[in-house]
């Protein structure tokens, strides 16, 4: 059946995704039996930033990367924005050259 071939799609809001990531970081921290202070020392991220992230899901990307390094979870970031793999000659023929910069807006 066609429905069996369709991948499940979860439509999460921006905030739900942030909370989900924060919860995963919290679980990794606790699995290591680390306090927030211990994670702060390992990552270089302040305790207040870690606390805000775990409660509100708010953190800068560079601080999130620092937490991921400290928690040995950096490989997951390699999965973000994967390059499209060419699987057929048709894919290769349809591939457009990658732009070096975005399009300019018209000055109208």
C-alpha atoms as a PDB file:
ATOM      1  CA  UNK A   1       0.000   0.000   0.000  1.00  0.00           C
ATOM      2  CA  UNK A   2       1.053   3.560  -0.624  1.00  0.00           C
ATOM      3  CA  UNK A   3       0.547   4.566   3.011  1.00  0.00           C
ATOM      4  CA  UNK A   4       3.092   1.947   4.098  1.00  0.00           C
ATOM      5  CA  UNK A   5       5.757   3.634   1.971  1.00  0.00           C
ATOM      6  CA  UNK A   6       5.226   7.146   3.326  1.00  0.00           C
ATOM      7  CA  UNK A   7       7.595   8.081   6.112  1.00  0.00           C
ATOM      8  CA  UNK A   8       5.976   9.415   9.293  1.00  0.00           C
ATOM      9  CA  UNK A   9       6.335  13.165   9.624  1.00  0.00           C
ATOM     10  CA  UNK A  10       6.165  14.898  12.951  1.00  0.00           C
ATOM     11  CA  UNK A  11       5.363  18.553  12.702  1.00  0.00           C
ATOM     12  CA  UNK A  12       6.953  20.183  15.700  1.00  0.00           C
ATOM     13  CA  UNK A  13       7.098  23.872  16.401  1.00  0.00           C
ATOM     14  CA  UNK A  14      10.393  25.692  16.734  1.00  0.00           C
ATOM     15  CA  UNK A  15       9.951  25.826  20.511  1.00  0.00           C
ATOM     16  CA  UNK A  16       9.043  22.129  20.770  1.00  0.00           C
ATOM     17  CA  UNK A  17      12.247  21.205  18.953  1.00  0.00           C
ATOM     18  CA  UNK A  18      14.293  23.406  21.297  1.00  0.00           C
ATOM     19  CA  UNK A  19      12.666  21.838  24.367  1.00  0.00           C
ATOM     20  CA  UNK A  20      13.274  18.374  22.947  1.00  0.00           C
ATOM     21  CA  UNK A  21      16.979  19.068  22.432  1.00  0.00           C
ATOM     22  CA  UNK A  22      17.254  20.627  25.893  1.00  0.00           C
ATOM     23  CA  UNK A  23      15.646  17.545  27.427  1.00  0.00           C
ATOM     24  CA  UNK A  24      18.107  15.270  25.597  1.00  0.00           C
ATOM     25  CA  UNK A  25      21.036  17.324  26.878  1.00  0.00           C
ATOM     26  CA  UNK A  26      19.625  17.138  30.412  1.00  0.00           C
ATOM     27  CA  UNK A  27      19.247  13.349  30.130  1.00  0.00           C
ATOM     28  CA  UNK A  28      22.844  13.000  28.888  1.00  0.00           C
ATOM     29  CA  UNK A  29      24.071  15.175  31.755  1.00  0.00           C
ATOM     30  CA  UNK A  30      22.204  13.080  34.305  1.00  0.00           C
ATOM     31  CA  UNK A  31      23.286   9.816  32.661  1.00  0.00           C
ATOM     32  CA  UNK A  32      26.878  10.958  33.254  1.00  0.00           C
ATOM     33  CA  UNK A  33      25.880  11.765  36.850  1.00  0.00           C
ATOM     34  CA  UNK A  34      26.988  15.360  36.337  1.00  0.00           C
ATOM     35  CA  UNK A  35      25.616  18.417  38.049  1.00  0.00           C
ATOM     36  CA  UNK A  36      25.106  21.566  36.020  1.00  0.00           C
ATOM     37  CA  UNK A  37      28.261  22.910  37.628  1.00  0.00           C
ATOM     38  CA  UNK A  38      30.262  19.891  36.458  1.00  0.00           C
ATOM     39  CA  UNK A  39      28.922  20.260  32.900  1.00  0.00           C
ATOM     40  CA  UNK A  40      29.745  23.964  33.015  1.00  0.00           C
ATOM     41  CA  UNK A  41      33.365  23.188  33.940  1.00  0.00           C
ATOM     42  CA  UNK A  42      33.640  20.512  31.221  1.00  0.00           C
ATOM     43  CA  UNK A  43      32.063  22.652  28.490  1.00  0.00           C
ATOM     44  CA  UNK A  44      33.025  26.227  29.339  1.00  0.00           C
ATOM     45  CA  UNK A  45      29.335  27.186  29.285  1.00  0.00           C
ATOM     46  CA  UNK A  46      28.073  29.053  32.348  1.00  0.00           C
ATOM     47  CA  UNK A  47      25.789  27.333  34.836  1.00  0.00           C
ATOM     48  CA  UNK A  48      23.147  30.000  34.257  1.00  0.00           C
ATOM     49  CA  UNK A  49      23.185  29.326  30.490  1.00  0.00           C
ATOM     50  CA  UNK A  50      22.806  25.587  31.093  1.00  0.00           C
ATOM     51  CA  UNK A  51      19.970  26.182  33.565  1.00  0.00           C
ATOM     52  CA  UNK A  52      18.163  28.531  31.136  1.00  0.00           C
ATOM     53  CA  UNK A  53      18.621  26.015  28.311  1.00  0.00           C
ATOM     54  CA  UNK A  54      17.243  23.121  30.345  1.00  0.00           C
ATOM     55  CA  UNK A  55      14.249  25.175  31.523  1.00  0.00           C
ATOM     56  CA  UNK A  56      13.452  27.322  28.485  1.00  0.00           C
ATOM     57  CA  UNK A  57      15.287  25.714  25.563  1.00  0.00           C
ATOM     58  CA  UNK A  58      17.219  28.932  24.883  1.00  0.00           C
ATOM     59  CA  UNK A  59      20.941  28.762  24.055  1.00  0.00           C
ATOM     60  CA  UNK A  60      23.308  30.026  21.390  1.00  0.00           C
ATOM     61  CA  UNK A  61      24.492  27.568  18.783  1.00  0.00           C
ATOM     62  CA  UNK A  62      28.148  27.805  19.824  1.00  0.00           C
ATOM     63  CA  UNK A  63      27.226  27.036  23.452  1.00  0.00           C
ATOM     64  CA  UNK A  64      25.108  24.098  22.306  1.00  0.00           C
ATOM     65  CA  UNK A  65      28.099  22.760  20.380  1.00  0.00           C
ATOM     66  CA  UNK A  66      30.282  23.162  23.482  1.00  0.00           C
ATOM     67  CA  UNK A  67      27.749  21.137  25.491  1.00  0.00           C
ATOM     68  CA  UNK A  68      27.644  18.482  22.776  1.00  0.00           C
ATOM     69  CA  UNK A  69      31.448  18.181  22.820  1.00  0.00           C
ATOM     70  CA  UNK A  70      31.481  17.877  26.606  1.00  0.00           C
ATOM     71  CA  UNK A  71      28.736  15.226  26.526  1.00  0.00           C
ATOM     72  CA  UNK A  72      30.409  13.310  23.683  1.00  0.00           C
ATOM     73  CA  UNK A  73      27.401  13.904  21.427  1.00  0.00           C
ATOM     74  CA  UNK A  74      28.977  15.967  18.658  1.00  0.00           C
ATOM     75  CA  UNK A  75      28.446  13.294  15.995  1.00  0.00           C
ATOM     76  CA  UNK A  76      24.732  14.086  15.941  1.00  0.00           C
ATOM     77  CA  UNK A  77      25.534  17.537  14.553  1.00  0.00           C
ATOM     78  CA  UNK A  78      27.155  15.913  11.542  1.00  0.00           C
ATOM     79  CA  UNK A  79      23.688  14.640  10.617  1.00  0.00           C
ATOM     80  CA  UNK A  80      22.276  18.166  10.284  1.00  0.00           C
ATOM     81  CA  UNK A  81      21.814  19.418   6.734  1.00  0.00           C
ATOM     82  CA  UNK A  82      23.172  16.372   4.912  1.00  0.00           C
ATOM     83  CA  UNK A  83      24.277  16.779   1.328  1.00  0.00           C
ATOM     84  CA  UNK A  84      21.917  15.259  -1.187  1.00  0.00           C
ATOM     85  CA  UNK A  85      23.359  11.998  -2.417  1.00  0.00           C
ATOM     86  CA  UNK A  86      23.212  11.273  -6.123  1.00  0.00           C
ATOM     87  CA  UNK A  87      21.472   7.960  -6.611  1.00  0.00           C
ATOM     88  CA  UNK A  88      20.877   7.920 -10.346  1.00  0.00           C
ATOM     89  CA  UNK A  89      22.040   9.465 -13.595  1.00  0.00           C
ATOM     90  CA  UNK A  90      18.804  11.465 -13.633  1.00  0.00           C
ATOM     91  CA  UNK A  91      19.770  13.010 -10.264  1.00  0.00           C
ATOM     92  CA  UNK A  92      23.163  13.931 -11.715  1.00  0.00           C
ATOM     93  CA  UNK A  93      21.602  15.511 -14.812  1.00  0.00           C
ATOM     94  CA  UNK A  94      19.161  17.531 -12.704  1.00  0.00           C
ATOM     95  CA  UNK A  95      21.830  18.731 -10.286  1.00  0.00           C
ATOM     96  CA  UNK A  96      22.371  22.469 -10.509  1.00  0.00           C
ATOM     97  CA  UNK A  97      25.722  24.093  -9.781  1.00  0.00           C
ATOM     98  CA  UNK A  98      25.892  25.254  -6.178  1.00  0.00           C
ATOM     99  CA  UNK A  99      25.534  29.004  -5.780  1.00  0.00           C
ATOM    100  CA  UNK A 100      28.287  30.888  -4.013  1.00  0.00           C
ATOM    101  CA  UNK A 101      25.874  33.496  -2.615  1.00  0.00           C
ATOM    102  CA  UNK A 102      22.178  34.324  -2.494  1.00  0.00           C
ATOM    103  CA  UNK A 103      20.232  36.185  -5.136  1.00  0.00           C
ATOM    104  CA  UNK A 104      20.096  39.957  -4.980  1.00  0.00           C
ATOM    105  CA  UNK A 105      16.779  41.666  -4.516  1.00  0.00           C
ATOM    106  CA  UNK A 106      15.654  43.978  -7.281  1.00  0.00           C
ATOM    107  CA  UNK A 107      15.955  47.669  -6.372  1.00  0.00           C
ATOM    108  CA  UNK A 108      12.423  48.435  -7.653  1.00  0.00           C
END
